[in-house]
PDB file of all heavy atoms in Angstrom:
ATOM      1  N   ASP A   1     108.747  84.256  85.238  1.00  0.00           N
ATOM      2  CA  ASP A   1     108.005  82.917  85.129  1.00  0.00           C
ATOM      3  C   ASP A   1     108.575  81.928  86.136  1.00  0.00           C
ATOM      4  O   ASP A   1     107.870  81.163  86.774  1.00  0.00           O
ATOM      5  CB  ASP A   1     108.067  82.400  83.719  1.00  0.00           C
ATOM      6  CG  ASP A   1     109.459  82.233  83.181  1.00  0.00           C
ATOM      7  OD1 ASP A   1     110.369  82.896  83.666  1.00  0.00           O
ATOM      8  OD2 ASP A   1     109.616  81.457  82.185  1.00  0.00           O
ATOM      9  N   ARG A   2     109.918  81.917  86.328  1.00  0.00           N
ATOM     10  CA  ARG A   2     110.519  80.978  87.325  1.00  0.00           C
ATOM     11  C   ARG A   2     110.167  81.415  88.684  1.00  0.00           C
ATOM     12  O   ARG A   2     109.882  80.544  89.531  1.00  0.00           O
ATOM     13  CB  ARG A   2     111.997  81.016  87.111  1.00  0.00           C
ATOM     14  CG  ARG A   2     112.686  79.870  87.865  1.00  0.00           C
ATOM     15  CD  ARG A   2     114.207  79.782  87.700  1.00  0.00           C
ATOM     16  NE  ARG A   2     114.500  79.816  86.235  1.00  0.00           N
ATOM     17  CZ  ARG A   2     115.747  80.013  85.771  1.00  0.00           C
ATOM     18  NH1 ARG A   2     116.761  80.169  86.633  1.00  0.00           N
ATOM     19  NH2 ARG A   2     116.018  80.039  84.530  1.00  0.00           N
ATOM     20  N   LEU A   3     110.152  82.629  88.989  1.00  0.00           N
ATOM     21  CA  LEU A   3     109.787  83.156  90.309  1.00  0.00           C
ATOM     22  C   LEU A   3     108.318  82.810  90.665  1.00  0.00           C
ATOM     23  O   LEU A   3     107.983  82.287  91.731  1.00  0.00           O
ATOM     24  CB  LEU A   3     109.872  84.685  90.405  1.00  0.00           C
ATOM     25  CG  LEU A   3     109.346  85.396  91.640  1.00  0.00           C
ATOM     26  CD1 LEU A   3     110.233  85.003  92.822  1.00  0.00           C
ATOM     27  CD2 LEU A   3     109.342  86.892  91.497  1.00  0.00           C
ATOM     28  N   LEU A   4     107.412  82.961  89.679  1.00  0.00           N
ATOM     29  CA  LEU A   4     105.998  82.658  89.941  1.00  0.00           C
ATOM     30  C   LEU A   4     105.833  81.129  90.098  1.00  0.00           C
ATOM     31  O   LEU A   4     105.018  80.644  90.962  1.00  0.00           O
ATOM     32  CB  LEU A   4     105.134  83.096  88.788  1.00  0.00           C
ATOM     33  CG  LEU A   4     105.051  84.629  88.646  1.00  0.00           C
ATOM     34  CD1 LEU A   4     104.465  85.084  87.323  1.00  0.00           C
ATOM     35  CD2 LEU A   4     104.218  85.172  89.761  1.00  0.00           C
ATOM     36  N   THR A   5     106.591  80.298  89.366  1.00  0.00           N
ATOM     37  CA  THR A   5     106.491  78.887  89.576  1.00  0.00           C
ATOM     38  C   THR A   5     106.887  78.471  90.989  1.00  0.00           C
ATOM     39  O   THR A   5     106.262  77.654  91.623  1.00  0.00           O
ATOM     40  CB  THR A   5     107.391  78.138  88.571  1.00  0.00           C
ATOM     41  OG1 THR A   5     106.919  78.485  87.251  1.00  0.00           O
ATOM     42  CG2 THR A   5     107.388  76.602  88.743  1.00  0.00           C
ATOM     43  N   LYS A   6     107.980  79.025  91.475  1.00  0.00           N
ATOM     44  CA  LYS A   6     108.469  78.786  92.837  1.00  0.00           C
ATOM     45  C   LYS A   6     107.462  79.290  93.909  1.00  0.00           C
ATOM     46  O   LYS A   6     107.222  78.590  94.894  1.00  0.00           O
ATOM     47  CB  LYS A   6     109.835  79.436  93.075  1.00  0.00           C
ATOM     48  CG  LYS A   6     110.867  78.628  92.314  1.00  0.00           C
ATOM     49  CD  LYS A   6     112.284  79.107  92.676  1.00  0.00           C
ATOM     50  CE  LYS A   6     113.290  78.219  91.905  1.00  0.00           C
ATOM     51  NZ  LYS A   6     114.409  77.935  92.679  1.00  0.00           N
ATOM     52  N   VAL A   7     106.892  80.493  93.660  1.00  0.00           N
ATOM     53  CA  VAL A   7     105.864  80.998  94.616  1.00  0.00           C
ATOM     54  C   VAL A   7     104.741  80.026  94.645  1.00  0.00           C
ATOM     55  O   VAL A   7     104.194  79.754  95.754  1.00  0.00           O
ATOM     56  CB  VAL A   7     105.471  82.423  94.244  1.00  0.00           C
ATOM     57  CG1 VAL A   7     104.288  82.860  94.997  1.00  0.00           C
ATOM     58  CG2 VAL A   7     106.655  83.379  94.505  1.00  0.00           C
ATOM     59  N   ALA A   8     104.233  79.600  93.500  1.00  0.00           N
ATOM     60  CA  ALA A   8     103.087  78.618  93.461  1.00  0.00           C
ATOM     61  C   ALA A   8     103.374  77.419  94.180  1.00  0.00           C
ATOM     62  O   ALA A   8     102.464  76.793  94.825  1.00  0.00           O
ATOM     63  CB  ALA A   8     102.704  78.388  92.031  1.00  0.00           C
ATOM     64  N   ALA A   9     104.616  76.922  94.168  1.00  0.00           N
ATOM     65  CA  ALA A   9     104.970  75.671  94.806  1.00  0.00           C
ATOM     66  C   ALA A   9     105.054  75.748  96.308  1.00  0.00           C
ATOM     67  O   ALA A   9     105.204  74.699  96.994  1.00  0.00           O
ATOM     68  CB  ALA A   9     106.310  75.178  94.237  1.00  0.00           C
ATOM     69  N   THR A  10     104.908  76.950  96.873  1.00  0.00           N
ATOM     70  CA  THR A  10     105.065  77.083  98.285  1.00  0.00           C
ATOM     71  C   THR A  10     103.713  76.971  99.082  1.00  0.00           C
ATOM     72  O   THR A  10     103.657  77.135 100.276  1.00  0.00           O
ATOM     73  CB  THR A  10     105.644  78.475  98.653  1.00  0.00           C
ATOM     74  OG1 THR A  10     104.793  79.493  98.246  1.00  0.00           O
ATOM     75  CG2 THR A  10     107.080  78.657  98.081  1.00  0.00           C
ATOM     76  N   GLY A  11     102.596  76.740  98.313  1.00  0.00           N
ATOM     77  CA  GLY A  11     101.405  76.556  98.959  1.00  0.00           C
ATOM     78  C   GLY A  11     100.556  77.785  99.031  1.00  0.00           C
ATOM     79  O   GLY A  11      99.495  77.885  99.707  1.00  0.00           O
ATOM     80  N   VAL A  12     100.989  78.801  98.310  1.00  0.00           N
ATOM     81  CA  VAL A  12     100.193  80.106  98.284  1.00  0.00           C
ATOM     82  C   VAL A  12      98.937  79.946  97.413  1.00  0.00           C
ATOM     83  O   VAL A  12      98.991  79.211  96.370  1.00  0.00           O
ATOM     84  CB  VAL A  12     101.109  81.182  97.632  1.00  0.00           C
ATOM     85  CG1 VAL A  12     100.308  82.465  97.345  1.00  0.00           C
ATOM     86  CG2 VAL A  12     102.284  81.494  98.547  1.00  0.00           C
ATOM     87  N   ASP A  13      97.846  80.524  97.791  1.00  0.00           N
ATOM     88  CA  ASP A  13      96.622  80.526  97.025  1.00  0.00           C
ATOM     89  C   ASP A  13      96.863  80.897  95.615  1.00  0.00           C
ATOM     90  O   ASP A  13      97.545  81.905  95.356  1.00  0.00           O
ATOM     91  CB  ASP A  13      95.590  81.448  97.673  1.00  0.00           C
ATOM     92  CG  ASP A  13      94.224  81.313  97.041  1.00  0.00           C
ATOM     93  OD1 ASP A  13      94.092  81.893  95.913  1.00  0.00           O
ATOM     94  OD2 ASP A  13      93.329  80.768  97.615  1.00  0.00           O
ATOM     95  N   LEU A  14      96.316  80.116  94.650  1.00  0.00           N
ATOM     96  CA  LEU A  14      96.589  80.360  93.232  1.00  0.00           C
ATOM     97  C   LEU A  14      96.115  81.768  92.724  1.00  0.00           C
ATOM     98  O   LEU A  14      96.735  82.347  91.901  1.00  0.00           O
ATOM     99  CB  LEU A  14      95.899  79.287  92.351  1.00  0.00           C
ATOM    100  CG  LEU A  14      96.312  79.210  90.908  1.00  0.00           C
ATOM    101  CD1 LEU A  14      97.845  79.062  90.720  1.00  0.00           C
ATOM    102  CD2 LEU A  14      95.534  78.076  90.215  1.00  0.00           C
ATOM    103  N   ARG A  15      95.062  82.243  93.392  1.00  0.00           N
ATOM    104  CA  ARG A  15      94.629  83.608  92.967  1.00  0.00           C
ATOM    105  C   ARG A  15      95.674  84.680  93.311  1.00  0.00           C
ATOM    106  O   ARG A  15      95.832  85.618  92.570  1.00  0.00           O
ATOM    107  CB  ARG A  15      93.338  83.999  93.715  1.00  0.00           C
ATOM    108  CG  ARG A  15      92.162  83.129  93.261  1.00  0.00           C
ATOM    109  CD  ARG A  15      90.995  83.337  94.125  1.00  0.00           C
ATOM    110  NE  ARG A  15      91.255  82.856  95.492  1.00  0.00           N
ATOM    111  CZ  ARG A  15      90.388  82.863  96.453  1.00  0.00           C
ATOM    112  NH1 ARG A  15      89.117  83.312  96.287  1.00  0.00           N
ATOM    113  NH2 ARG A  15      90.730  82.414  97.694  1.00  0.00           N
ATOM    114  N   THR A  16      96.440  84.453  94.417  1.00  0.00           N
ATOM    115  CA  THR A  16      97.519  85.357  94.723  1.00  0.00           C
ATOM    116  C   THR A  16      98.636  85.269  93.732  1.00  0.00           C
ATOM    117  O   THR A  16      99.180  86.336  93.337  1.00  0.00           O
ATOM    118  CB  THR A  16      98.056  85.038  96.133  1.00  0.00           C
ATOM    119  OG1 THR A  16      96.953  85.112  97.094  1.00  0.00           O
ATOM    120  CG2 THR A  16      99.153  86.022  96.555  1.00  0.00           C
ATOM    121  N   VAL A  17      98.969  84.051  93.229  1.00  0.00           N
ATOM    122  CA  VAL A  17     100.016  83.909  92.235  1.00  0.00           C
ATOM    123  C   VAL A  17      99.592  84.652  90.972  1.00  0.00           C
ATOM    124  O   VAL A  17     100.363  85.359  90.392  1.00  0.00           O
ATOM    125  CB  VAL A  17     100.282  82.440  91.962  1.00  0.00           C
ATOM    126  CG1 VAL A  17     101.264  82.269  90.860  1.00  0.00           C
ATOM    127  CG2 VAL A  17     100.780  81.697  93.228  1.00  0.00           C
ATOM    128  N   VAL A  18      98.304  84.508  90.572  1.00  0.00           N
ATOM    129  CA  VAL A  18      97.811  85.184  89.412  1.00  0.00           C
ATOM    130  C   VAL A  18      97.880  86.754  89.571  1.00  0.00           C
ATOM    131  O   VAL A  18      98.366  87.491  88.695  1.00  0.00           O
ATOM    132  CB  VAL A  18      96.360  84.719  89.138  1.00  0.00           C
ATOM    133  CG1 VAL A  18      95.778  85.587  87.995  1.00  0.00           C
ATOM    134  CG2 VAL A  18      96.361  83.243  88.670  1.00  0.00           C
ATOM    135  N   TRP A  19      97.566  87.177  90.747  1.00  0.00           N
ATOM    136  CA  TRP A  19      97.677  88.666  91.018  1.00  0.00           C
ATOM    137  C   TRP A  19      99.051  89.143  90.874  1.00  0.00           C
ATOM    138  O   TRP A  19      99.366  90.159  90.264  1.00  0.00           O
ATOM    139  CB  TRP A  19      97.137  88.944  92.466  1.00  0.00           C
ATOM    140  CG  TRP A  19      97.036  90.484  92.664  1.00  0.00           C
ATOM    141  CD1 TRP A  19      95.956  91.310  92.436  1.00  0.00           C
ATOM    142  CD2 TRP A  19      98.082  91.305  93.164  1.00  0.00           C
ATOM    143  NE1 TRP A  19      96.271  92.552  92.771  1.00  0.00           N
ATOM    144  CE2 TRP A  19      97.546  92.659  93.150  1.00  0.00           C
ATOM    145  CE3 TRP A  19      99.397  91.135  93.565  1.00  0.00           C
ATOM    146  CZ2 TRP A  19      98.314  93.678  93.614  1.00  0.00           C
ATOM    147  CZ3 TRP A  19     100.189  92.171  93.949  1.00  0.00           C
ATOM    148  CH2 TRP A  19      99.587  93.463  93.968  1.00  0.00           C
ATOM    149  N   VAL A  20     100.024  88.407  91.482  1.00  0.00           N
ATOM    150  CA  VAL A  20     101.457  88.775  91.386  1.00  0.00           C
ATOM    151  C   VAL A  20     101.871  88.744  89.939  1.00  0.00           C
ATOM    152  O   VAL A  20     102.608  89.621  89.477  1.00  0.00           O
ATOM    153  CB  VAL A  20     102.331  87.855  92.226  1.00  0.00           C
ATOM    154  CG1 VAL A  20     103.789  88.125  92.014  1.00  0.00           C
ATOM    155  CG2 VAL A  20     101.990  88.053  93.717  1.00  0.00           C
ATOM    156  N   LYS A  21     101.419  87.785  89.172  1.00  0.00           N
ATOM    157  CA  LYS A  21     101.862  87.633  87.770  1.00  0.00           C
ATOM    158  C   LYS A  21     101.291  88.881  86.989  1.00  0.00           C
ATOM    159  O   LYS A  21     102.027  89.468  86.259  1.00  0.00           O
ATOM    160  CB  LYS A  21     101.211  86.361  87.168  1.00  0.00           C
ATOM    161  CG  LYS A  21     101.440  86.211  85.683  1.00  0.00           C
ATOM    162  CD  LYS A  21     100.748  84.979  85.173  1.00  0.00           C
ATOM    163  CE  LYS A  21     100.941  84.832  83.653  1.00  0.00           C
ATOM    164  NZ  LYS A  21     100.283  83.676  83.106  1.00  0.00           N
ATOM    165  N   GLU A  22     100.083  89.188  87.160  1.00  0.00           N
ATOM    166  CA  GLU A  22      99.468  90.373  86.539  1.00  0.00           C
ATOM    167  C   GLU A  22     100.161  91.708  86.999  1.00  0.00           C
ATOM    168  O   GLU A  22     100.324  92.582  86.147  1.00  0.00           O
ATOM    169  CB  GLU A  22      97.947  90.490  86.788  1.00  0.00           C
ATOM    170  CG  GLU A  22      97.189  89.325  86.205  1.00  0.00           C
ATOM    171  CD  GLU A  22      97.241  89.281  84.655  1.00  0.00           C
ATOM    172  OE1 GLU A  22      97.296  90.338  84.071  1.00  0.00           O
ATOM    173  OE2 GLU A  22      97.330  88.150  84.165  1.00  0.00           O
ATOM    174  N   PHE A  23     100.620  91.704  88.232  1.00  0.00           N
ATOM    175  CA  PHE A  23     101.290  92.894  88.728  1.00  0.00           C
ATOM    176  C   PHE A  23     102.662  93.067  88.089  1.00  0.00           C
ATOM    177  O   PHE A  23     103.107  94.160  87.763  1.00  0.00           O
ATOM    178  CB  PHE A  23     101.446  92.772  90.216  1.00  0.00           C
ATOM    179  CG  PHE A  23     102.114  94.000  90.870  1.00  0.00           C
ATOM    180  CD1 PHE A  23     101.371  95.082  91.119  1.00  0.00           C
ATOM    181  CD2 PHE A  23     103.398  93.933  91.248  1.00  0.00           C
ATOM    182  CE1 PHE A  23     101.947  96.235  91.720  1.00  0.00           C
ATOM    183  CE2 PHE A  23     104.022  95.081  91.866  1.00  0.00           C
ATOM    184  CZ  PHE A  23     103.286  96.124  92.136  1.00  0.00           C
ATOM    185  N   LEU A  24     103.379  91.920  87.795  1.00  0.00           N
ATOM    186  CA  LEU A  24     104.725  91.963  87.304  1.00  0.00           C
ATOM    187  C   LEU A  24     104.810  92.075  85.756  1.00  0.00           C
ATOM    188  O   LEU A  24     105.690  92.754  85.262  1.00  0.00           O
ATOM    189  CB  LEU A  24     105.537  90.723  87.709  1.00  0.00           C
ATOM    190  CG  LEU A  24     105.872  90.562  89.191  1.00  0.00           C
ATOM    191  CD1 LEU A  24     106.445  89.167  89.412  1.00  0.00           C
ATOM    192  CD2 LEU A  24     106.774  91.642  89.625  1.00  0.00           C
TER     193      LEU A  24
END
């Protein structure tokens, strides 16, 4: 959850963050 929060804060498209979340 902390990793995903940091990834989202870097300007990555939110759909990518959701994909990574579902992957992990």
